[in-house]
């Protein structure tokens, strides 16, 4: 498990005991803008998702791992590889540190560093990318700090209420 361990956090597979936390995170309306969620998830849907979380990334084209604090083992958030492309050896990255009080403490940077090492070593990925809203300054800073470069702007990409926001495309060649 050394590959999935950093200086502040470790990443692990989803466990059945994570159902309540994932349910809480997925149904937090404050996060829906970044996750592009429009409707709540039922507890049964989350239970089914967790029951199938062991499926191979080559089959389901995504991988979600739990971010845990290294010392306590407490769940801090989730990190995802999505839109996995085995031919072009790339995937999208999503990361969430659930509690605002836990943000800005290096957990996200450590998680992203671990995920990049894992993606290169075990999945043989050539690149990772992230879609980040123009006003998500903490995420922009996090991804830039980890070596991601802004390679594009998707104009008026996300509708938020009655307005549209640009979305930046960041890329990291591993």
Protein backbone atom coordinates (compact mmCIF):
# COMPACT_ATOMS: atom_id res chain seq x y z
CA UNK A 1 0.00 0.00 0.00
CA UNK A 2 3.03 2.30 -0.07
CA UNK A 3 1.96 3.63 -3.49
CA UNK A 4 -1.32 4.84 -2.02
CA UNK A 5 0.28 6.50 1.01
CA UNK A 6 1.51 10.08 1.21
CA UNK A 7 2.80 12.36 3.93
CA UNK A 8 -0.65 13.47 5.13
CA UNK A 9 -3.18 11.04 3.66
CA UNK A 10 -3.64 7.60 2.22
CA UNK A 11 -6.06 6.48 -0.46
CA UNK A 12 -8.08 3.31 -0.14
CA UNK A 13 -10.84 1.42 -1.87
CA UNK A 14 -14.45 2.19 -1.02
CA UNK A 15 -15.81 0.04 1.81
CA UNK A 16 -19.46 -0.73 2.66
CA UNK A 17 -19.01 1.42 5.78
CA UNK A 18 -18.54 4.46 3.47
CA UNK A 19 -22.16 4.42 2.28
CA UNK A 20 -23.34 7.14 4.69
CA UNK A 21 -20.41 9.45 3.91
CA UNK A 22 -20.82 9.05 0.14
CA UNK A 23 -24.58 9.58 0.48
CA UNK A 24 -23.92 12.78 2.46
CA UNK A 25 -21.32 14.06 -0.04
CA UNK A 26 -23.33 13.24 -3.17
CA UNK A 27 -26.43 14.94 -1.75
CA UNK A 28 -24.70 18.12 -0.56
CA UNK A 29 -26.28 20.72 -2.83
CA UNK A 30 -23.31 23.09 -2.31
CA UNK A 31 -21.20 20.63 -4.30
CA UNK A 32 -23.62 20.04 -7.16
CA UNK A 33 -22.21 22.81 -9.32
CA UNK A 34 -18.77 21.17 -9.52
CA UNK A 35 -20.13 17.64 -9.86
CA UNK A 36 -22.82 18.63 -12.37
CA UNK A 37 -25.42 16.89 -10.21
CA UNK A 38 -29.00 18.07 -10.62
CA UNK A 39 -30.98 15.61 -8.51
CA UNK A 40 -30.35 13.85 -5.21
CA UNK A 41 -29.22 10.24 -4.99
CA UNK A 42 -31.23 7.74 -2.99
CA UNK A 43 -29.57 5.69 -0.29
CA UNK A 44 -30.33 2.54 -2.32
CA UNK A 45 -28.54 3.94 -5.38
CA UNK A 46 -25.50 4.75 -3.24
CA UNK A 47 -25.58 1.26 -1.69
CA UNK A 48 -25.66 -0.27 -5.20
CA UNK A 49 -22.79 1.97 -6.29
CA UNK A 50 -20.69 0.96 -3.28
CA UNK A 51 -21.51 -2.72 -3.86
CA UNK A 52 -20.11 -2.40 -7.39
CA UNK A 53 -17.17 -0.10 -6.59
CA UNK A 54 -14.79 -3.06 -6.85
CA UNK A 55 -15.36 -3.35 -10.61
CA UNK A 56 -12.27 -2.88 -12.75
CA UNK A 57 -11.52 0.57 -14.20
CA UNK A 58 -11.18 -1.05 -17.64
CA UNK A 59 -14.78 -2.24 -17.37
CA UNK A 60 -16.54 0.77 -15.81
CA UNK A 61 -14.16 3.53 -17.03
CA UNK A 62 -13.86 5.09 -13.59
CA UNK A 63 -12.22 4.58 -10.21
CA UNK A 64 -13.15 6.27 -6.96
CA UNK A 65 -10.91 6.12 -3.92
CA UNK A 66 -11.44 7.38 -0.39
CA UNK A 67 -9.06 9.99 1.01
CA UNK A 68 -8.19 9.25 4.64
CA UNK A 69 -6.12 11.24 7.10
CA UNK A 70 -2.85 9.37 7.64
CA UNK A 71 -2.75 9.51 11.43
CA UNK A 72 -6.41 9.01 12.36
CA UNK A 73 -7.70 7.12 9.33
CA UNK A 74 -10.71 9.46 9.22
CA UNK A 75 -12.44 9.93 5.87
CA UNK A 76 -11.59 13.36 4.46
CA UNK A 77 -13.04 13.10 0.97
CA UNK A 78 -12.98 11.34 -2.36
CA UNK A 79 -10.80 11.30 -5.44
CA UNK A 80 -11.93 10.02 -8.83
CA UNK A 81 -10.47 8.93 -12.10
CA UNK A 82 -13.25 9.19 -14.69
CA UNK A 83 -13.66 9.04 -18.44
CA UNK A 84 -10.85 6.47 -18.46
CA UNK A 85 -9.52 5.96 -21.98
CA UNK A 86 -7.40 2.78 -22.17
CA UNK A 87 -6.40 3.40 -25.79
CA UNK A 88 -5.13 6.97 -25.34
CA UNK A 89 -4.00 6.25 -21.76
CA UNK A 90 -5.72 9.21 -20.14
CA UNK A 91 -8.37 9.95 -17.54
CA UNK A 92 -10.09 12.88 -15.91
CA UNK A 93 -9.48 13.68 -12.26
CA UNK A 94 -11.94 14.89 -9.66
CA UNK A 95 -11.09 15.57 -6.03
CA UNK A 96 -13.14 16.65 -3.05
CA UNK A 97 -12.14 17.35 0.52
CA UNK A 98 -15.53 17.30 2.20
CA UNK A 99 -15.23 19.68 5.15
CA UNK A 100 -14.20 23.26 4.57
CA UNK A 101 -12.10 23.17 7.75
CA UNK A 102 -10.00 20.38 6.22
CA UNK A 103 -9.32 22.28 3.01
CA UNK A 104 -6.10 24.21 2.58
CA UNK A 105 -4.14 21.80 4.78
CA UNK A 106 -2.31 19.96 2.01
CA UNK A 107 -4.66 16.97 1.93
CA UNK A 108 -5.73 17.66 -1.64
CA UNK A 109 -2.17 18.13 -2.88
CA UNK A 110 -1.03 14.93 -1.18
CA UNK A 111 -4.03 13.03 -2.59
CA UNK A 112 -3.41 14.31 -6.10
CA UNK A 113 0.28 13.44 -5.87
CA UNK A 114 -0.57 9.89 -4.77
CA UNK A 115 -3.17 9.51 -7.52
CA UNK A 116 -0.73 10.69 -10.20
CA UNK A 117 1.90 8.18 -9.05
CA UNK A 118 -0.71 5.39 -8.99
CA UNK A 119 -2.08 6.32 -12.43
CA UNK A 120 1.38 6.21 -13.97
CA UNK A 121 2.76 3.15 -12.15
CA UNK A 122 -0.25 0.82 -12.12
CA UNK A 123 -2.50 2.04 -14.92
CA UNK A 124 0.27 3.14 -17.26
CA UNK A 125 -1.53 6.41 -17.96
CA UNK A 126 0.16 9.00 -20.11
CA UNK A 127 -1.90 11.97 -18.96
CA UNK A 128 -4.54 13.24 -16.58
CA UNK A 129 -6.87 16.17 -17.07
CA UNK A 130 -9.18 18.25 -14.91
CA UNK A 131 -12.14 20.48 -15.71
CA UNK A 132 -12.21 23.42 -13.29
CA UNK A 133 -14.69 26.27 -13.08
CA UNK A 134 -13.21 29.71 -13.66
CA UNK A 135 -14.10 30.84 -10.14
CA UNK A 136 -12.81 27.75 -8.32
CA UNK A 137 -9.55 29.42 -7.31
CA UNK A 138 -8.53 26.84 -4.67
CA UNK A 139 -8.78 24.02 -7.24
CA UNK A 140 -6.91 26.03 -9.85
CA UNK A 141 -4.11 26.65 -7.34
CA UNK A 142 -4.06 22.98 -6.30
CA UNK A 143 -3.80 21.59 -9.82
CA UNK A 144 -1.24 24.18 -10.93
CA UNK A 145 0.87 23.40 -7.85
CA UNK A 146 0.81 19.72 -8.85
CA UNK A 147 2.10 20.51 -12.35
CA UNK A 148 -1.14 20.70 -14.32
CA UNK A 149 -1.12 23.29 -17.11
CA UNK A 150 -4.13 25.25 -18.35
CA UNK A 151 -4.52 24.19 -21.98
CA UNK A 152 -7.93 25.56 -22.82
CA UNK A 153 -11.03 27.52 -21.92
CA UNK A 154 -14.52 26.25 -22.54
CA UNK A 155 -16.52 29.45 -22.90
CA UNK A 156 -19.84 29.73 -21.07
CA UNK A 157 -19.61 25.99 -20.42
CA UNK A 158 -21.56 25.65 -17.18
CA UNK A 159 -24.97 27.09 -16.53
CA UNK A 160 -25.33 28.26 -12.96
CA UNK A 161 -28.80 29.59 -12.35
CA UNK A 162 -29.39 32.10 -15.11
CA UNK A 163 -25.73 32.76 -15.93
CA UNK A 164 -22.99 30.84 -17.68
CA UNK A 165 -19.45 30.32 -16.45
CA UNK A 166 -16.28 29.43 -18.29
CA UNK A 167 -14.54 26.19 -17.45
CA UNK A 168 -10.78 25.70 -17.70
CA UNK A 169 -9.19 22.53 -19.00
CA UNK A 170 -6.02 21.51 -17.18
CA UNK A 171 -3.70 18.73 -18.30
CA UNK A 172 -0.70 16.93 -16.85
CA UNK A 173 1.54 14.71 -18.97
CA UNK A 174 2.74 12.12 -16.47
